[in-house]
């Protein structure tokens, strides 16, 4: 820097700072672009596009596999064909009855798995509902207890009688709630 505050290129410190900020912004933009390009989804999309898989639909997947891997596709087709030929032979033990039995077993297994999953979901729902009901009942109980205590505190009674009055009021409320719940249960 010379005596006037300029560097070798003739820039002032403020201009140098502005240039540094500009370079910093460009580096940040480049890093953001690199992060986007190196994201797993972007890499997968690029690989799919380069391999030709991206534009395939369900109907052209077999055609793609046959063109890219003809020997493996031929062997797979041969195996499936031999299995089908053997399964449909006239023998009752290995013919269409076996396929029907296999499909029946598979459907029973899937049905049982779905039933088990539904039971697990139902149990989890019941537990969550019970927890919510328990929390609600506790909240209601606390609110009733506080309300009764406040009401008894305002009554003109000797201090020794207030716990007895509070207990009597709570017993009356419990009996009223039980009667209400019994009536609701009978209607349901």
N, C-alpha and C. Protein backbone atom coordinates (compact mmCIF):
# COMPACT_ATOMS: atom_id res chain seq x y z
N UNK A 1 0.85 -1.17 0.00
CA UNK A 1 0.00 0.00 0.00
C UNK A 1 0.90 1.23 0.00
N UNK A 2 0.45 2.23 -0.69
CA UNK A 2 1.21 3.47 -0.68
C UNK A 2 0.64 4.43 0.34
N UNK A 3 1.13 5.62 0.35
CA UNK A 3 0.74 6.59 1.37
C UNK A 3 -0.69 7.05 1.21
N UNK A 4 -1.30 6.90 0.04
CA UNK A 4 -2.67 7.37 -0.17
C UNK A 4 -3.70 6.32 0.23
N UNK A 5 -3.30 5.14 0.67
CA UNK A 5 -4.23 4.09 1.08
C UNK A 5 -4.68 3.25 -0.10
N UNK A 6 -3.89 3.20 -1.17
CA UNK A 6 -4.24 2.39 -2.33
C UNK A 6 -3.30 1.19 -2.41
N UNK A 7 -3.78 0.06 -2.92
CA UNK A 7 -2.90 -1.08 -3.08
C UNK A 7 -2.27 -1.04 -4.47
N UNK A 8 -1.60 -2.12 -4.85
CA UNK A 8 -0.87 -2.15 -6.12
C UNK A 8 -1.80 -2.02 -7.31
N UNK A 9 -3.05 -2.47 -7.21
CA UNK A 9 -3.99 -2.37 -8.31
C UNK A 9 -4.73 -1.04 -8.30
N UNK A 10 -4.50 -0.23 -7.35
CA UNK A 10 -5.15 1.07 -7.28
C UNK A 10 -6.51 1.03 -6.63
N UNK A 11 -6.80 0.02 -5.77
CA UNK A 11 -8.10 -0.09 -5.11
C UNK A 11 -7.99 0.36 -3.66
N UNK A 12 -9.03 0.98 -3.19
CA UNK A 12 -9.08 1.41 -1.80
C UNK A 12 -9.47 0.23 -0.92
N UNK A 13 -9.28 0.34 0.38
CA UNK A 13 -9.70 -0.75 1.26
C UNK A 13 -11.19 -1.08 1.14
N UNK A 14 -12.05 -0.08 0.94
CA UNK A 14 -13.50 -0.34 0.79
C UNK A 14 -13.77 -1.13 -0.49
N UNK A 15 -13.06 -0.78 -1.56
CA UNK A 15 -13.23 -1.51 -2.81
C UNK A 15 -12.73 -2.94 -2.68
N UNK A 16 -11.61 -3.10 -1.98
CA UNK A 16 -11.09 -4.46 -1.73
C UNK A 16 -12.08 -5.28 -0.92
N UNK A 17 -12.69 -4.68 0.08
CA UNK A 17 -13.68 -5.38 0.89
C UNK A 17 -14.90 -5.76 0.06
N UNK A 18 -15.35 -4.85 -0.82
CA UNK A 18 -16.48 -5.15 -1.69
C UNK A 18 -16.14 -6.30 -2.64
N UNK A 19 -14.91 -6.30 -3.17
CA UNK A 19 -14.49 -7.37 -4.07
C UNK A 19 -14.44 -8.71 -3.30
N UNK A 20 -13.92 -8.67 -2.06
CA UNK A 20 -13.86 -9.89 -1.25
C UNK A 20 -15.27 -10.41 -0.96
N UNK A 21 -16.21 -9.50 -0.68
CA UNK A 21 -17.60 -9.93 -0.46
C UNK A 21 -18.18 -10.56 -1.71
N UNK A 22 -17.85 -9.97 -2.87
CA UNK A 22 -18.35 -10.51 -4.13
C UNK A 22 -17.79 -11.92 -4.36
N UNK A 23 -16.50 -12.10 -4.11
CA UNK A 23 -15.89 -13.42 -4.29
C UNK A 23 -16.48 -14.41 -3.29
N UNK A 24 -16.71 -13.97 -2.06
CA UNK A 24 -17.31 -14.82 -1.04
C UNK A 24 -18.71 -15.27 -1.47
N UNK A 25 -19.51 -14.36 -2.05
CA UNK A 25 -20.85 -14.70 -2.52
C UNK A 25 -20.79 -15.71 -3.67
N UNK A 26 -19.80 -15.51 -4.58
CA UNK A 26 -19.66 -16.45 -5.69
C UNK A 26 -19.27 -17.84 -5.19
N UNK A 27 -18.40 -17.90 -4.21
CA UNK A 27 -18.01 -19.18 -3.63
C UNK A 27 -19.21 -19.85 -2.96
N UNK A 28 -20.02 -19.07 -2.25
CA UNK A 28 -21.21 -19.63 -1.59
C UNK A 28 -22.19 -20.17 -2.62
N UNK A 29 -22.39 -19.46 -3.73
CA UNK A 29 -23.29 -19.94 -4.79
C UNK A 29 -22.76 -21.22 -5.41
N UNK A 30 -21.44 -21.27 -5.64
CA UNK A 30 -20.84 -22.47 -6.22
C UNK A 30 -20.99 -23.65 -5.28
N UNK A 31 -20.78 -23.43 -3.98
CA UNK A 31 -20.95 -24.51 -3.00
C UNK A 31 -22.39 -24.99 -2.95
N UNK A 32 -23.34 -24.06 -3.02
CA UNK A 32 -24.76 -24.46 -3.02
C UNK A 32 -25.08 -25.30 -4.24
N UNK A 33 -24.55 -24.89 -5.41
CA UNK A 33 -24.79 -25.66 -6.63
C UNK A 33 -24.17 -27.05 -6.53
N UNK A 34 -22.95 -27.13 -5.96
CA UNK A 34 -22.31 -28.43 -5.79
C UNK A 34 -23.08 -29.32 -4.83
N UNK A 35 -23.56 -28.74 -3.72
CA UNK A 35 -24.36 -29.53 -2.77
C UNK A 35 -25.59 -30.10 -3.44
N UNK A 36 -26.25 -29.28 -4.28
CA UNK A 36 -27.45 -29.73 -4.98
C UNK A 36 -27.11 -30.86 -5.96
N UNK A 37 -26.00 -30.70 -6.68
CA UNK A 37 -25.62 -31.73 -7.66
C UNK A 37 -25.13 -33.01 -6.99
N UNK A 38 -24.56 -32.90 -5.79
CA UNK A 38 -24.03 -34.07 -5.10
C UNK A 38 -25.03 -34.70 -4.14
N UNK A 39 -26.25 -34.19 -4.12
CA UNK A 39 -27.29 -34.79 -3.28
C UNK A 39 -27.59 -36.19 -3.83
N UNK A 40 -27.90 -37.15 -2.96
CA UNK A 40 -28.15 -38.52 -3.43
C UNK A 40 -29.23 -38.60 -4.52
N UNK A 41 -30.28 -37.82 -4.38
CA UNK A 41 -31.36 -37.87 -5.37
C UNK A 41 -30.87 -37.39 -6.74
N UNK A 42 -30.04 -36.32 -6.74
CA UNK A 42 -29.51 -35.81 -8.00
C UNK A 42 -28.57 -36.83 -8.64
N UNK A 43 -27.74 -37.47 -7.84
CA UNK A 43 -26.82 -38.48 -8.37
C UNK A 43 -27.58 -39.66 -8.97
N UNK A 44 -28.64 -40.09 -8.29
CA UNK A 44 -29.45 -41.20 -8.79
C UNK A 44 -30.13 -40.82 -10.08
N UNK A 45 -30.69 -39.60 -10.14
CA UNK A 45 -31.33 -39.14 -11.37
C UNK A 45 -30.35 -39.10 -12.53
N UNK A 46 -29.14 -38.62 -12.27
CA UNK A 46 -28.13 -38.54 -13.33
C UNK A 46 -27.72 -39.93 -13.80
N UNK A 47 -27.54 -40.87 -12.86
CA UNK A 47 -27.18 -42.23 -13.25
C UNK A 47 -28.31 -42.88 -14.04
N UNK A 48 -29.54 -42.64 -13.63
CA UNK A 48 -30.68 -43.21 -14.35
C UNK A 48 -30.77 -42.64 -15.75
N UNK A 49 -30.51 -41.36 -15.90
CA UNK A 49 -30.58 -40.73 -17.21
C UNK A 49 -29.46 -41.27 -18.12
N UNK A 50 -28.25 -41.39 -17.58
CA UNK A 50 -27.13 -41.88 -18.39
C UNK A 50 -27.30 -43.34 -18.79
N UNK A 51 -27.93 -44.15 -17.92
CA UNK A 51 -28.08 -45.57 -18.23
C UNK A 51 -29.29 -45.85 -19.12
N UNK A 52 -30.16 -44.87 -19.29
CA UNK A 52 -31.34 -45.07 -20.12
C UNK A 52 -32.53 -45.62 -19.37
N UNK A 53 -32.45 -45.74 -18.06
CA UNK A 53 -33.53 -46.30 -17.26
C UNK A 53 -34.61 -45.26 -16.97
N UNK A 54 -34.25 -44.00 -16.99
CA UNK A 54 -35.16 -42.94 -16.54
C UNK A 54 -36.46 -42.89 -17.35
N UNK A 55 -36.39 -43.09 -18.66
CA UNK A 55 -37.56 -42.92 -19.51
C UNK A 55 -38.37 -44.20 -19.68
N UNK A 56 -38.04 -45.24 -18.94
CA UNK A 56 -38.76 -46.50 -19.08
C UNK A 56 -40.07 -46.47 -18.32
N UNK A 57 -41.07 -47.11 -18.91
CA UNK A 57 -42.32 -47.32 -18.18
C UNK A 57 -42.43 -48.82 -17.91
N UNK A 58 -43.50 -49.21 -17.27
CA UNK A 58 -43.63 -50.61 -16.85
C UNK A 58 -43.60 -51.57 -18.04
N UNK A 59 -44.15 -51.16 -19.17
CA UNK A 59 -44.20 -52.05 -20.33
C UNK A 59 -42.86 -52.22 -21.03
N UNK A 60 -41.98 -51.26 -20.93
CA UNK A 60 -40.72 -51.35 -21.67
C UNK A 60 -39.55 -51.84 -20.82
N UNK A 61 -39.79 -52.16 -19.56
CA UNK A 61 -38.71 -52.65 -18.70
C UNK A 61 -38.18 -53.99 -19.20
N UNK A 62 -39.06 -54.89 -19.61
CA UNK A 62 -38.62 -56.19 -20.11
C UNK A 62 -37.82 -56.01 -21.39
N UNK A 63 -38.31 -55.14 -22.28
CA UNK A 63 -37.59 -54.86 -23.52
C UNK A 63 -36.20 -54.31 -23.22
N UNK A 64 -36.11 -53.40 -22.26
CA UNK A 64 -34.82 -52.82 -21.86
C UNK A 64 -33.90 -53.91 -21.32
N UNK A 65 -34.42 -54.78 -20.46
CA UNK A 65 -33.60 -55.85 -19.88
C UNK A 65 -33.11 -56.80 -20.96
N UNK A 66 -33.97 -57.12 -21.92
CA UNK A 66 -33.57 -58.03 -22.99
C UNK A 66 -32.48 -57.41 -23.85
N UNK A 67 -32.60 -56.10 -24.14
CA UNK A 67 -31.58 -55.44 -24.96
C UNK A 67 -30.26 -55.30 -24.22
N UNK A 68 -30.29 -54.96 -22.93
CA UNK A 68 -29.06 -54.75 -22.17
C UNK A 68 -28.40 -56.06 -21.73
N UNK A 69 -29.24 -57.07 -21.38
CA UNK A 69 -28.73 -58.34 -20.86
C UNK A 69 -29.48 -59.50 -21.52
N UNK A 70 -29.20 -59.77 -22.77
CA UNK A 70 -29.99 -60.78 -23.48
C UNK A 70 -29.80 -62.20 -22.93
N UNK A 71 -28.61 -62.57 -22.53
CA UNK A 71 -28.36 -63.94 -22.06
C UNK A 71 -29.07 -64.16 -20.73
N UNK A 72 -28.92 -63.23 -19.79
CA UNK A 72 -29.57 -63.38 -18.49
C UNK A 72 -31.09 -63.38 -18.65
N UNK A 73 -31.60 -62.51 -19.52
CA UNK A 73 -33.06 -62.46 -19.74
C UNK A 73 -33.56 -63.76 -20.35
N UNK A 74 -32.78 -64.33 -21.29
CA UNK A 74 -33.18 -65.60 -21.90
C UNK A 74 -33.20 -66.72 -20.89
N UNK A 75 -32.19 -66.78 -20.02
CA UNK A 75 -32.15 -67.82 -18.99
C UNK A 75 -33.31 -67.67 -18.01
N UNK A 76 -33.62 -66.43 -17.62
CA UNK A 76 -34.74 -66.22 -16.71
C UNK A 76 -36.05 -66.65 -17.36
N UNK A 77 -36.23 -66.31 -18.64
CA UNK A 77 -37.45 -66.72 -19.36
C UNK A 77 -37.55 -68.22 -19.48
N UNK A 78 -36.42 -68.88 -19.77
CA UNK A 78 -36.39 -70.34 -19.87
C UNK A 78 -36.78 -70.98 -18.54
N UNK A 79 -36.24 -70.47 -17.44
CA UNK A 79 -36.58 -71.03 -16.11
C UNK A 79 -38.06 -70.86 -15.80
N UNK A 80 -38.60 -69.69 -16.06
CA UNK A 80 -40.03 -69.48 -15.81
C UNK A 80 -40.87 -70.39 -16.69
N UNK A 81 -40.47 -70.54 -17.95
CA UNK A 81 -41.21 -71.43 -18.86
C UNK A 81 -41.18 -72.87 -18.40
N UNK A 82 -40.00 -73.36 -17.98
CA UNK A 82 -39.90 -74.74 -17.48
C UNK A 82 -40.73 -74.94 -16.23
N UNK A 83 -40.72 -73.95 -15.34
CA UNK A 83 -41.53 -74.06 -14.13
C UNK A 83 -43.01 -74.13 -14.47
N UNK A 84 -43.46 -73.27 -15.40
CA UNK A 84 -44.88 -73.28 -15.80
C UNK A 84 -45.24 -74.59 -16.48
N UNK A 85 -44.37 -75.10 -17.36
CA UNK A 85 -44.66 -76.36 -18.05
C UNK A 85 -44.79 -77.49 -17.04
N UNK A 86 -43.88 -77.53 -16.06
CA UNK A 86 -43.93 -78.59 -15.04
C UNK A 86 -45.17 -78.44 -14.15
N UNK A 87 -45.53 -77.21 -13.82
CA UNK A 87 -46.67 -76.99 -12.94
C UNK A 87 -47.99 -77.36 -13.60
N UNK A 88 -48.08 -77.20 -14.91
CA UNK A 88 -49.35 -77.46 -15.59
C UNK A 88 -49.44 -78.85 -16.22
N UNK A 89 -48.49 -79.71 -15.92
CA UNK A 89 -48.60 -81.08 -16.42
C UNK A 89 -49.83 -81.73 -15.82
N UNK A 90 -50.24 -82.84 -16.33
CA UNK A 90 -51.50 -83.47 -15.96
C UNK A 90 -51.52 -84.10 -14.58
N UNK A 91 -50.42 -84.27 -13.94
CA UNK A 91 -50.37 -84.94 -12.64
C UNK A 91 -51.10 -84.09 -11.59
N UNK A 92 -52.01 -84.69 -10.80
CA UNK A 92 -52.75 -83.90 -9.81
C UNK A 92 -51.87 -83.36 -8.69
N UNK A 93 -50.72 -84.04 -8.39
CA UNK A 93 -49.88 -83.56 -7.30
C UNK A 93 -49.08 -82.32 -7.71
N UNK A 94 -48.73 -82.24 -8.99
CA UNK A 94 -47.88 -81.14 -9.42
C UNK A 94 -48.55 -80.22 -10.42
N UNK A 95 -49.80 -80.47 -10.79
CA UNK A 95 -50.47 -79.68 -11.81
C UNK A 95 -51.10 -78.41 -11.26
N UNK A 96 -52.18 -77.97 -11.90
CA UNK A 96 -52.84 -76.74 -11.48
C UNK A 96 -53.30 -76.76 -10.03
N UNK A 97 -53.54 -77.94 -9.49
CA UNK A 97 -53.93 -78.03 -8.09
C UNK A 97 -52.83 -77.53 -7.16
N UNK A 98 -51.58 -77.82 -7.52
CA UNK A 98 -50.44 -77.35 -6.74
C UNK A 98 -50.34 -75.83 -6.79
N UNK A 99 -50.55 -75.27 -7.96
CA UNK A 99 -50.51 -73.80 -8.09
C UNK A 99 -51.64 -73.18 -7.27
N UNK A 100 -52.82 -73.78 -7.39
CA UNK A 100 -53.97 -73.28 -6.62
C UNK A 100 -53.68 -73.37 -5.12
N UNK A 101 -53.09 -74.48 -4.69
CA UNK A 101 -52.76 -74.64 -3.27
C UNK A 101 -51.70 -73.63 -2.85
N UNK A 102 -50.69 -73.44 -3.69
CA UNK A 102 -49.64 -72.46 -3.37
C UNK A 102 -50.23 -71.06 -3.27
N UNK A 103 -51.07 -70.70 -4.22
CA UNK A 103 -51.70 -69.38 -4.19
C UNK A 103 -52.61 -69.25 -2.97
N UNK A 104 -53.31 -70.33 -2.63
CA UNK A 104 -54.15 -70.31 -1.44
C UNK A 104 -53.33 -70.12 -0.17
N UNK A 105 -52.21 -70.83 -0.11
CA UNK A 105 -51.32 -70.68 1.06
C UNK A 105 -50.76 -69.27 1.15
N UNK A 106 -50.36 -68.72 0.01
CA UNK A 106 -49.84 -67.35 0.00
C UNK A 106 -50.92 -66.35 0.43
N UNK A 107 -52.13 -66.54 -0.07
CA UNK A 107 -53.19 -65.60 0.30
C UNK A 107 -53.56 -65.74 1.79
N UNK A 108 -53.53 -66.98 2.31
CA UNK A 108 -53.79 -67.17 3.74
C UNK A 108 -52.71 -66.49 4.58
N UNK A 109 -51.47 -66.65 4.14
CA UNK A 109 -50.36 -66.02 4.86
C UNK A 109 -50.49 -64.50 4.85
N UNK A 110 -50.82 -63.94 3.69
CA UNK A 110 -51.00 -62.49 3.60
C UNK A 110 -52.18 -62.03 4.44
N UNK A 111 -53.26 -62.80 4.40
CA UNK A 111 -54.44 -62.47 5.19
C UNK A 111 -54.11 -62.47 6.68
N UNK A 112 -53.36 -63.49 7.14
CA UNK A 112 -53.00 -63.57 8.55
C UNK A 112 -52.07 -62.42 8.93
N UNK A 113 -51.13 -62.09 8.04
CA UNK A 113 -50.22 -60.97 8.33
C UNK A 113 -51.01 -59.66 8.45
N UNK A 114 -51.98 -59.46 7.56
CA UNK A 114 -52.80 -58.24 7.64
C UNK A 114 -53.65 -58.22 8.90
N UNK A 115 -54.18 -59.38 9.29
CA UNK A 115 -54.96 -59.45 10.53
C UNK A 115 -54.09 -59.11 11.73
N UNK A 116 -52.87 -59.67 11.76
CA UNK A 116 -51.96 -59.38 12.86
C UNK A 116 -51.61 -57.90 12.91
N UNK A 117 -51.34 -57.32 11.76
CA UNK A 117 -51.01 -55.89 11.72
C UNK A 117 -52.20 -55.06 12.18
N UNK A 118 -53.41 -55.43 11.75
CA UNK A 118 -54.60 -54.70 12.18
C UNK A 118 -54.80 -54.82 13.68
N UNK A 119 -54.52 -55.99 14.25
CA UNK A 119 -54.66 -56.18 15.69
C UNK A 119 -53.65 -55.32 16.44
N UNK A 120 -52.42 -55.25 15.93
CA UNK A 120 -51.40 -54.41 16.56
C UNK A 120 -51.83 -52.94 16.51
N UNK A 121 -52.35 -52.50 15.35
CA UNK A 121 -52.81 -51.12 15.21
C UNK A 121 -53.98 -50.85 16.16
N UNK A 122 -54.90 -51.80 16.25
CA UNK A 122 -56.06 -51.64 17.13
C UNK A 122 -55.61 -51.53 18.58
N UNK A 123 -54.68 -52.39 18.98
CA UNK A 123 -54.17 -52.36 20.36
C UNK A 123 -53.48 -51.03 20.65
N UNK A 124 -52.68 -50.55 19.71
CA UNK A 124 -51.99 -49.27 19.91
C UNK A 124 -53.01 -48.13 20.02
N UNK A 125 -54.07 -48.18 19.20
CA UNK A 125 -55.10 -47.15 19.26
C UNK A 125 -55.82 -47.18 20.60
N UNK A 126 -56.17 -48.38 21.07
CA UNK A 126 -56.87 -48.51 22.36
C UNK A 126 -55.98 -48.00 23.50
N UNK A 127 -54.70 -48.33 23.45
CA UNK A 127 -53.79 -47.85 24.50
C UNK A 127 -53.69 -46.32 24.47
N UNK A 128 -53.60 -45.75 23.29
CA UNK A 128 -53.52 -44.29 23.19
C UNK A 128 -54.82 -43.65 23.69
N UNK A 129 -55.96 -44.25 23.33
CA UNK A 129 -57.24 -43.72 23.79
C UNK A 129 -57.37 -43.84 25.31
N UNK A 130 -56.93 -44.97 25.86
CA UNK A 130 -56.97 -45.13 27.31
C UNK A 130 -56.08 -44.11 28.01
N UNK A 131 -54.92 -43.85 27.44
CA UNK A 131 -54.01 -42.86 28.03
C UNK A 131 -54.65 -41.47 27.99
N UNK A 132 -55.29 -41.14 26.87
CA UNK A 132 -55.95 -39.84 26.76
C UNK A 132 -57.12 -39.74 27.74
N UNK A 133 -57.89 -40.82 27.84
CA UNK A 133 -59.01 -40.81 28.78
C UNK A 133 -58.53 -40.70 30.22
N UNK A 134 -57.46 -41.41 30.53
CA UNK A 134 -56.91 -41.35 31.88
C UNK A 134 -56.41 -39.94 32.19
N UNK A 135 -55.72 -39.34 31.23
CA UNK A 135 -55.23 -37.97 31.44
C UNK A 135 -56.40 -37.00 31.58
N UNK A 136 -57.43 -37.18 30.77
CA UNK A 136 -58.62 -36.32 30.86
C UNK A 136 -59.34 -36.50 32.19
N UNK A 137 -59.45 -37.76 32.63
CA UNK A 137 -60.11 -38.02 33.91
C UNK A 137 -59.31 -37.42 35.06
N UNK A 138 -57.98 -37.52 34.99
CA UNK A 138 -57.14 -36.92 36.03
C UNK A 138 -57.30 -35.40 36.04
N UNK A 139 -57.34 -34.81 34.86
CA UNK A 139 -57.52 -33.35 34.76
C UNK A 139 -58.88 -32.94 35.32
N UNK A 140 -59.92 -33.70 34.98
CA UNK A 140 -61.26 -33.41 35.50
C UNK A 140 -61.29 -33.57 37.01
N UNK A 141 -60.67 -34.64 37.50
CA UNK A 141 -60.63 -34.87 38.94
C UNK A 141 -59.92 -33.73 39.67
N UNK A 142 -58.80 -33.29 39.12
CA UNK A 142 -58.07 -32.17 39.73
C UNK A 142 -58.91 -30.89 39.71
N UNK A 143 -59.61 -30.66 38.60
CA UNK A 143 -60.43 -29.45 38.50
C UNK A 143 -61.60 -29.50 39.48
N UNK A 144 -62.23 -30.67 39.60
CA UNK A 144 -63.34 -30.81 40.55
C UNK A 144 -62.83 -30.63 41.97
N UNK A 145 -61.70 -31.24 42.30
CA UNK A 145 -61.15 -31.12 43.65
C UNK A 145 -60.83 -29.67 43.98
N UNK A 146 -60.23 -28.95 43.03
CA UNK A 146 -59.90 -27.54 43.24
C UNK A 146 -61.18 -26.72 43.39
N UNK A 147 -62.17 -27.02 42.56
CA UNK A 147 -63.44 -26.28 42.65
C UNK A 147 -64.15 -26.51 43.98
N UNK A 148 -64.16 -27.77 44.41
CA UNK A 148 -64.80 -28.08 45.70
C UNK A 148 -64.04 -27.40 46.84
N UNK A 149 -62.73 -27.45 46.79
CA UNK A 149 -61.91 -26.82 47.84
C UNK A 149 -62.17 -25.30 47.88
N UNK A 150 -62.25 -24.67 46.72
CA UNK A 150 -62.52 -23.22 46.68
C UNK A 150 -63.93 -22.91 47.19
N UNK A 151 -64.89 -23.77 46.83
CA UNK A 151 -66.27 -23.55 47.29
C UNK A 151 -66.36 -23.71 48.81
N UNK A 152 -65.71 -24.74 49.34
CA UNK A 152 -65.74 -24.97 50.79
C UNK A 152 -65.00 -23.86 51.52
N UNK A 153 -63.94 -23.35 50.93
CA UNK A 153 -63.18 -22.27 51.58
C UNK A 153 -64.04 -21.02 51.73
N UNK A 154 -65.00 -20.81 50.82
CA UNK A 154 -65.85 -19.62 50.89
C UNK A 154 -67.10 -19.81 51.77
N UNK A 155 -67.33 -21.05 52.22
CA UNK A 155 -68.53 -21.28 53.05
C UNK A 155 -68.28 -20.79 54.48
N UNK A 156 -69.32 -20.25 55.11
CA UNK A 156 -69.17 -19.79 56.50
C UNK A 156 -69.31 -20.97 57.46
N UNK A 157 -68.21 -21.70 57.64
CA UNK A 157 -68.20 -22.86 58.54
C UNK A 157 -66.92 -22.80 59.35
N UNK A 158 -66.93 -23.43 60.52
CA UNK A 158 -65.70 -23.45 61.32
C UNK A 158 -64.60 -24.24 60.56
N UNK A 159 -63.34 -23.87 60.74
CA UNK A 159 -62.25 -24.54 60.03
C UNK A 159 -62.19 -26.04 60.26
N UNK A 160 -62.62 -26.51 61.44
CA UNK A 160 -62.58 -27.95 61.72
C UNK A 160 -63.59 -28.70 60.87
N UNK A 161 -64.68 -28.07 60.43
CA UNK A 161 -65.75 -28.74 59.68
C UNK A 161 -65.48 -28.74 58.18
N UNK A 162 -64.60 -27.88 57.72
CA UNK A 162 -64.38 -27.74 56.27
C UNK A 162 -63.87 -29.04 55.62
N UNK A 163 -62.94 -29.81 56.22
CA UNK A 163 -62.54 -31.07 55.58
C UNK A 163 -63.71 -32.05 55.45
N UNK A 164 -64.59 -32.07 56.45
CA UNK A 164 -65.76 -32.94 56.40
C UNK A 164 -66.72 -32.49 55.30
N UNK A 165 -66.93 -31.19 55.17
CA UNK A 165 -67.80 -30.67 54.11
C UNK A 165 -67.21 -30.97 52.74
N UNK A 166 -65.89 -30.80 52.63
CA UNK A 166 -65.22 -31.08 51.35
C UNK A 166 -65.37 -32.55 50.97
N UNK A 167 -65.19 -33.45 51.92
CA UNK A 167 -65.34 -34.89 51.65
C UNK A 167 -66.76 -35.23 51.27
N UNK A 168 -67.73 -34.64 51.95
CA UNK A 168 -69.14 -34.91 51.64
C UNK A 168 -69.48 -34.42 50.24
N UNK A 169 -68.98 -33.24 49.86
CA UNK A 169 -69.24 -32.71 48.52
C UNK A 169 -68.61 -33.62 47.45
N UNK A 170 -67.40 -34.12 47.72
CA UNK A 170 -66.76 -35.02 46.76
C UNK A 170 -67.53 -36.33 46.62
N UNK A 171 -68.04 -36.86 47.73
CA UNK A 171 -68.83 -38.10 47.68
C UNK A 171 -70.10 -37.88 46.88
N UNK A 172 -70.75 -36.74 47.08
CA UNK A 172 -71.98 -36.42 46.33
C UNK A 172 -71.67 -36.32 44.83
N UNK A 173 -70.56 -35.66 44.47
CA UNK A 173 -70.19 -35.54 43.06
C UNK A 173 -69.86 -36.90 42.44
N UNK A 174 -69.16 -37.76 43.21
CA UNK A 174 -68.84 -39.10 42.71
C UNK A 174 -70.12 -39.88 42.45
N UNK A 175 -71.08 -39.81 43.37
CA UNK A 175 -72.35 -40.52 43.19
C UNK A 175 -73.09 -39.97 41.98
N UNK A 176 -73.06 -38.66 41.77
CA UNK A 176 -73.73 -38.06 40.62
C UNK A 176 -73.09 -38.52 39.31
N UNK A 177 -71.74 -38.54 39.26
CA UNK A 177 -71.05 -39.00 38.05
C UNK A 177 -71.35 -40.47 37.78
N UNK A 178 -71.36 -41.30 38.81
CA UNK A 178 -71.65 -42.72 38.61
C UNK A 178 -73.06 -42.91 38.07
N UNK A 179 -74.02 -42.16 38.60
CA UNK A 179 -75.39 -42.26 38.11
C UNK A 179 -75.48 -41.82 36.65
N UNK A 180 -74.76 -40.76 36.33
CA UNK A 180 -74.76 -40.27 34.95
C UNK A 180 -74.14 -41.30 34.01
N UNK A 181 -73.02 -41.89 34.40
CA UNK A 181 -72.38 -42.89 33.56
C UNK A 181 -73.23 -44.15 33.43
N UNK A 182 -73.92 -44.57 34.49
CA UNK A 182 -74.80 -45.73 34.38
C UNK A 182 -75.92 -45.45 33.39
N UNK A 183 -76.47 -44.25 33.44
CA UNK A 183 -77.56 -43.89 32.51
C UNK A 183 -77.05 -43.90 31.08
N UNK A 184 -75.84 -43.40 30.85
CA UNK A 184 -75.27 -43.38 29.50
C UNK A 184 -75.00 -44.80 29.03
N UNK A 185 -74.50 -45.67 29.90
CA UNK A 185 -74.23 -47.06 29.54
C UNK A 185 -75.51 -47.81 29.17
N UNK A 186 -76.58 -47.54 29.89
CA UNK A 186 -77.86 -48.21 29.60
C UNK A 186 -78.40 -47.81 28.23
N UNK A 187 -78.19 -46.55 27.85
CA UNK A 187 -78.67 -46.08 26.54
C UNK A 187 -77.85 -46.66 25.42
N UNK A 188 -76.60 -46.95 25.67
CA UNK A 188 -75.72 -47.48 24.60
C UNK A 188 -75.91 -48.93 24.42
